[in-house]
Protein backbone atom coordinates (compact mmCIF):
# COMPACT_ATOMS: atom_id res chain seq x y z
CA MET A 1 26.92 81.03 93.32
CA GLU A 2 26.42 84.63 94.35
CA LEU A 3 23.41 85.13 96.62
CA PHE A 4 21.52 88.35 97.23
CA LEU A 5 19.14 89.07 100.09
CA GLY A 6 16.44 91.71 100.21
CA VAL A 7 14.97 92.61 103.62
CA ASP A 8 11.84 94.69 104.17
CA GLY A 9 11.42 95.36 107.89
CA GLY A 10 8.87 97.43 109.77
CA GLY A 11 6.92 97.67 112.97
CA THR A 12 4.64 94.74 112.18
CA GLY A 13 6.98 92.26 110.56
CA CYS A 14 10.02 91.46 108.46
CA ARG A 15 10.03 89.88 104.98
CA VAL A 16 13.05 88.60 103.09
CA ALA A 17 13.68 87.39 99.55
CA LEU A 18 16.74 85.41 98.46
CA ALA A 19 17.84 85.67 94.82
CA ASP A 20 20.64 84.54 92.52
CA SER A 21 22.76 86.82 90.32
CA ARG A 22 20.07 86.89 87.62
CA GLY A 23 17.52 88.21 90.10
CA ARG A 24 15.63 84.92 90.19
CA VAL A 25 13.98 84.59 93.61
CA LEU A 26 14.95 81.30 95.24
CA ALA A 27 13.08 81.60 98.52
CA ARG A 28 11.02 83.95 100.67
CA ALA A 29 10.51 84.04 104.43
CA GLU A 30 8.93 86.17 107.16
CA ASP A 31 9.49 86.83 110.84
CA GLY A 32 8.65 89.37 113.53
CA PRO A 33 8.95 93.19 113.68
CA ALA A 34 12.18 94.85 112.53
CA ASN A 35 12.09 98.50 113.54
CA ILE A 36 15.73 99.09 114.39
CA ALA A 37 15.06 102.29 116.33
CA THR A 38 12.41 101.05 118.75
CA ASN A 39 13.73 97.53 119.43
CA PRO A 40 17.07 96.91 117.72
CA GLU A 41 17.91 93.62 119.46
CA ALA A 42 14.60 92.03 118.47
CA ALA A 43 14.90 93.46 114.96
CA LEU A 44 18.34 91.88 114.53
CA ALA A 45 17.05 88.52 115.76
CA HIS A 46 14.07 88.59 113.42
CA ILE A 47 16.16 89.60 110.40
CA LEU A 48 18.66 86.80 111.00
CA ARG A 49 15.97 84.20 111.62
CA ALA A 50 14.08 85.08 108.44
CA SER A 51 17.33 85.14 106.46
CA GLN A 52 18.36 81.72 107.73
CA LEU A 53 14.92 80.31 107.01
CA ALA A 54 15.12 81.51 103.39
CA LEU A 55 18.59 80.01 103.00
CA THR A 56 17.43 76.69 104.44
CA GLN A 57 14.50 76.60 102.04
CA ALA A 58 16.74 77.28 99.06
CA LEU A 59 19.88 75.29 99.93
CA GLY A 60 19.09 72.93 102.77
CA GLU A 61 20.00 73.30 106.43
CA ASP A 62 23.76 72.69 106.35
CA ALA A 63 24.48 74.61 103.14
CA GLY A 64 22.16 77.38 104.29
CA LYS A 65 24.10 77.93 107.51
CA ALA A 66 27.38 78.04 105.61
CA ALA A 67 26.02 80.57 103.10
CA LEU A 68 24.91 83.21 105.62
CA GLY A 69 28.29 84.96 105.54
CA ARG A 70 28.32 85.08 101.71
CA LEU A 71 25.11 87.06 101.34
CA ARG A 72 25.05 90.52 99.77
CA ALA A 73 22.12 92.17 101.50
CA GLY A 74 19.95 95.22 100.92
CA LEU A 75 17.85 96.18 103.92
CA GLY A 76 14.99 98.66 103.93
CA LEU A 77 14.12 99.12 107.60
CA ALA A 78 11.87 101.28 109.70
CA GLY A 79 13.97 103.31 112.12
CA ALA A 80 17.05 103.42 109.88
CA ASN A 81 16.89 107.23 109.89
CA ALA A 82 17.28 107.35 113.69
CA SER A 83 20.72 108.49 114.76
CA GLY A 84 23.14 105.57 115.11
CA ALA A 85 20.56 102.84 114.40
CA ALA A 86 21.89 101.74 111.01
CA ALA A 87 25.50 101.75 112.21
CA TRP A 88 24.57 99.65 115.24
CA LEU A 89 22.85 97.05 113.09
CA GLY A 90 25.49 97.03 110.37
CA ALA A 91 28.19 96.17 112.91
CA ARG A 92 26.24 93.09 113.99
CA LEU A 93 25.09 91.64 110.68
CA PRO A 94 27.11 88.59 109.53
CA PHE A 95 26.57 89.21 105.81
CA ALA A 96 29.43 89.72 103.37
CA GLN A 97 27.94 93.08 102.38
CA SER A 98 25.10 95.06 103.89
CA ARG A 99 23.46 98.22 102.67
CA ILE A 100 20.92 99.63 105.13
CA GLU A 101 18.38 102.27 104.15
CA THR A 102 14.99 103.36 105.43
CA ASP A 103 11.99 101.38 104.28
CA ALA A 104 10.92 104.53 102.40
CA VAL A 105 14.00 104.29 100.15
CA THR A 106 13.29 100.69 99.21
CA ALA A 107 9.58 101.41 98.74
CA VAL A 108 10.49 104.04 96.16
CA LYS A 109 12.94 101.71 94.41
CA GLY A 110 10.34 98.98 94.27
CA ALA A 111 7.60 101.28 93.04
CA LEU A 112 9.62 103.02 90.31
CA GLY A 113 12.37 100.59 89.37
CA ALA A 114 14.85 102.64 87.33
CA ASP A 115 12.21 105.14 86.17
CA ASP A 116 12.05 108.80 87.09
CA GLY A 117 8.99 109.69 89.11
CA ILE A 118 7.46 110.71 92.40
CA VAL A 119 6.15 108.34 95.04
CA ALA A 120 3.58 109.18 97.70
CA ALA A 121 3.53 106.41 100.30
CA MET A 122 0.29 106.74 102.24
CA GLY A 123 -0.40 104.33 105.07
CA THR A 124 -0.40 104.56 108.86
CA GLY A 125 2.37 107.10 108.28
CA SER A 126 3.39 108.94 105.12
CA VAL A 127 6.51 109.81 103.18
CA PHE A 128 7.17 111.35 99.76
CA ALA A 129 10.13 111.03 97.41
CA ILE A 130 11.36 111.92 93.94
CA GLN A 131 13.68 109.74 91.88
CA GLN A 132 15.60 111.20 88.94
CA ALA A 133 18.52 109.58 87.13
CA GLY A 134 18.78 107.00 89.90
CA ALA A 135 19.07 109.57 92.71
CA GLN A 136 16.40 109.96 95.37
CA ARG A 137 15.31 112.90 97.47
CA GLN A 138 12.83 112.33 100.27
CA ILE A 139 10.66 114.77 102.18
CA GLY A 140 8.29 114.15 105.06
CA GLY A 141 8.44 110.88 106.94
CA TRP A 142 9.09 112.69 110.23
CA GLY A 143 6.72 110.50 112.18
CA PHE A 144 3.37 110.97 113.87
CA GLY A 145 4.57 113.59 116.32
CA LEU A 146 6.05 115.95 113.72
CA GLY A 147 4.61 115.06 110.33
CA ASP A 148 2.97 112.14 108.49
CA GLU A 149 0.72 114.48 106.54
CA GLY A 150 -2.33 112.75 105.09
CA SER A 151 -1.55 109.50 106.90
CA GLY A 152 -4.07 107.20 108.50
CA ALA A 153 -2.78 108.13 111.96
CA VAL A 154 -3.17 111.86 111.34
CA LEU A 155 -6.62 111.38 109.79
CA GLY A 156 -7.79 109.30 112.74
CA ARG A 157 -6.51 111.80 115.27
CA ALA A 158 -8.17 114.66 113.37
CA LEU A 159 -11.47 112.76 113.42
CA LEU A 160 -11.36 112.20 117.17
CA ALA A 161 -10.31 115.79 117.85
CA ARG A 162 -13.15 117.11 115.69
CA ALA A 163 -15.63 114.88 117.49
CA LEU A 164 -14.61 116.45 120.79
CA ARG A 165 -14.92 119.96 119.32
CA ALA A 166 -18.42 119.10 118.17
CA ARG A 167 -19.26 117.65 121.57
CA ASP A 168 -18.17 120.99 123.10
CA GLY A 169 -20.44 122.90 120.68
CA VAL A 170 -17.59 124.62 118.82
CA LEU A 171 -18.32 122.76 115.56
CA PRO A 172 -21.54 121.20 114.23
CA MET A 173 -22.17 117.60 115.25
CA SER A 174 -22.48 115.31 112.22
CA ALA A 175 -23.60 111.71 111.91
CA LEU A 176 -19.99 110.54 111.62
CA LEU A 177 -18.86 112.51 114.66
CA ALA A 178 -21.80 111.21 116.69
CA GLN A 179 -20.84 107.68 115.64
CA VAL A 180 -17.28 108.23 116.83
CA MET A 181 -18.41 109.64 120.16
CA GLY A 182 -20.70 106.64 120.54
CA ALA A 183 -17.80 104.27 119.95
CA PHE A 184 -16.15 105.60 123.11
CA GLY A 185 -19.24 106.28 125.17
CA SER A 186 -17.87 109.49 126.67
CA ALA A 187 -15.32 112.21 126.15
CA GLU A 188 -13.42 110.93 129.17
CA GLU A 189 -13.04 107.50 127.59
CA MET A 190 -11.70 109.10 124.41
CA VAL A 191 -9.16 111.07 126.43
CA ALA A 192 -8.09 107.89 128.24
CA PHE A 193 -7.60 106.23 124.85
CA SER A 194 -5.41 109.11 123.69
CA LEU A 195 -3.01 108.71 126.61
CA THR A 196 -1.68 105.38 125.36
CA ALA A 197 -2.76 105.34 121.70
CA ARG A 198 -0.13 104.54 119.08
CA PRO A 199 -0.26 105.79 115.48
CA ALA A 200 -1.81 102.49 114.37
CA ASP A 201 -4.56 102.91 116.97
CA TYR A 202 -5.51 106.30 115.53
CA ALA A 203 -5.21 104.98 111.98
CA ALA A 204 -7.90 102.38 112.76
CA PHE A 205 -10.44 105.24 112.69
CA ALA A 206 -9.39 106.58 109.28
CA PRO A 207 -11.55 104.15 107.23
CA ARG A 208 -14.64 105.79 108.74
CA LEU A 209 -13.76 108.96 106.84
CA TRP A 210 -13.45 107.23 103.47
CA ALA A 211 -16.68 105.32 104.16
CA SER A 212 -18.61 108.57 104.82
CA PRO A 213 -17.38 110.86 102.01
CA ASP A 214 -20.51 113.05 102.11
CA ASP A 215 -20.47 113.67 105.86
CA PRO A 216 -19.55 117.34 106.51
CA ALA A 217 -16.85 116.36 109.00
CA ALA A 218 -15.32 113.83 106.59
CA VAL A 219 -15.40 116.40 103.79
CA ALA A 220 -13.53 118.93 105.94
CA ILE A 221 -10.90 116.50 107.22
CA LEU A 222 -10.25 114.82 103.88
CA SER A 223 -10.14 118.15 102.03
CA ALA A 224 -7.45 119.41 104.40
CA ALA A 225 -5.50 116.16 104.05
CA VAL A 226 -5.69 116.23 100.25
CA ALA A 227 -4.46 119.84 100.29
CA ASP A 228 -1.48 118.81 102.44
CA VAL A 229 -0.61 115.93 100.13
CA ARG A 230 -1.02 118.11 97.02
CA ALA A 231 1.31 120.77 98.46
CA THR A 232 3.93 118.17 99.38
CA ILE A 233 3.93 116.57 95.94
CA ALA A 234 4.07 120.03 94.32
CA ALA A 235 7.18 120.80 96.37
CA LEU A 236 8.89 117.77 94.81
CA GLN A 237 7.82 118.37 91.22
CA PRO A 238 10.56 119.64 88.87
CA PRO A 239 9.80 122.22 86.14
CA VAL A 240 8.82 119.39 83.81
CA PRO A 241 6.36 117.43 85.96
CA LEU A 242 6.91 113.76 86.67
CA PRO A 243 4.22 111.09 87.06
CA VAL A 244 3.11 110.26 90.58
CA THR A 245 2.82 106.74 92.00
CA PHE A 246 0.60 106.34 95.06
CA ILE A 247 1.34 103.34 97.29
CA GLY A 248 0.16 102.15 100.68
CA GLY A 249 -3.28 101.40 102.02
CA LEU A 250 -4.53 104.96 101.54
CA GLY A 251 -2.83 105.42 98.18
CA PRO A 252 -5.90 104.64 96.03
CA GLY A 253 -8.02 107.12 97.97
CA TYR A 254 -5.61 109.97 97.35
CA ALA A 255 -4.99 108.92 93.75
CA ALA A 256 -8.71 109.28 93.07
CA ARG A 257 -8.74 112.80 94.53
CA LEU A 258 -5.54 114.16 93.00
CA SER A 259 -5.59 114.53 89.23
CA ASP A 260 -3.08 117.39 89.13
CA TRP A 261 -0.36 115.23 87.53
CA PRO A 262 -0.15 112.04 85.48
CA GLN A 263 -0.20 108.87 87.59
CA ARG A 264 1.60 105.57 87.13
CA PRO A 265 1.01 102.26 88.95
CA ALA A 266 3.77 100.79 91.09
CA ARG A 267 6.15 98.37 89.39
CA GLY A 268 6.79 96.43 92.59
CA ASN A 269 6.91 96.68 96.37
CA ALA A 270 9.43 97.52 99.09
CA LEU A 271 10.84 93.99 99.18
CA ASP A 272 11.53 94.21 95.45
CA GLY A 273 13.30 97.50 96.16
CA ALA A 274 15.41 95.93 98.91
CA LEU A 275 16.54 93.20 96.54
CA MET A 276 17.46 95.85 93.95
CA LEU A 277 19.49 97.58 96.67
CA ALA A 278 21.38 94.37 97.37
CA MET A 279 22.16 93.75 93.73
CA GLU A 280 23.41 97.29 93.18
CA ARG A 281 26.30 96.48 95.46
CA ALA A 282 27.57 93.64 93.26
């Protein structure tokens, strides 16, 4: 029996799905983070442990161990676009076949299936892609330091920065900005936070914007973010526009504010896309 493994790995965890040649899912499993750029050794260990757990669930312990080397795997992993990361992992995986892509690629596959369309993935980070005739082109996804337009991390950082500008008297202080300043107690505490804050730490402040849509500061920040997302999607649109699928935690918020193009709900998720990737190699 041919076995196919889909792996969806990111900074918070790794999920796998094991399927037969008809695409029927036999087992699912989860393990720890699998960002192959930031911690490749741990990512490898978590991928293998989750894979073995799924095989054990489906086939039993002995048969599961024997089947590891027969798997045809599709892996959508955070960090796969870092130089050398995918090659390093591929050389260490015991599977019969491995296809490693970024988690953005598998998110698009899962969201669109075989359909043409555009995907805007809006979460802690952001990435955008178009799929036409089975081929993908991605833009953005350059990370918090260089991109992630419209993402939760960028929104949260913009909110904190604006609060400091208001504290300095450069911009008007609003109820939302006062609330944010109060959460830290002082500007110095906010600066101390910024010295070690990760993108997810900034993203934790983004829900305050969506919860205060009439606050002048929220209006300004969200308007700028929507404009960035609109411009990015427009750059992907072909002469005959394609429908847009918004995914991720912030996807619904942007979908409600962007009616420029037809929209289509996601067909599936990134793990579905990883399994598709595995089966394409058969």
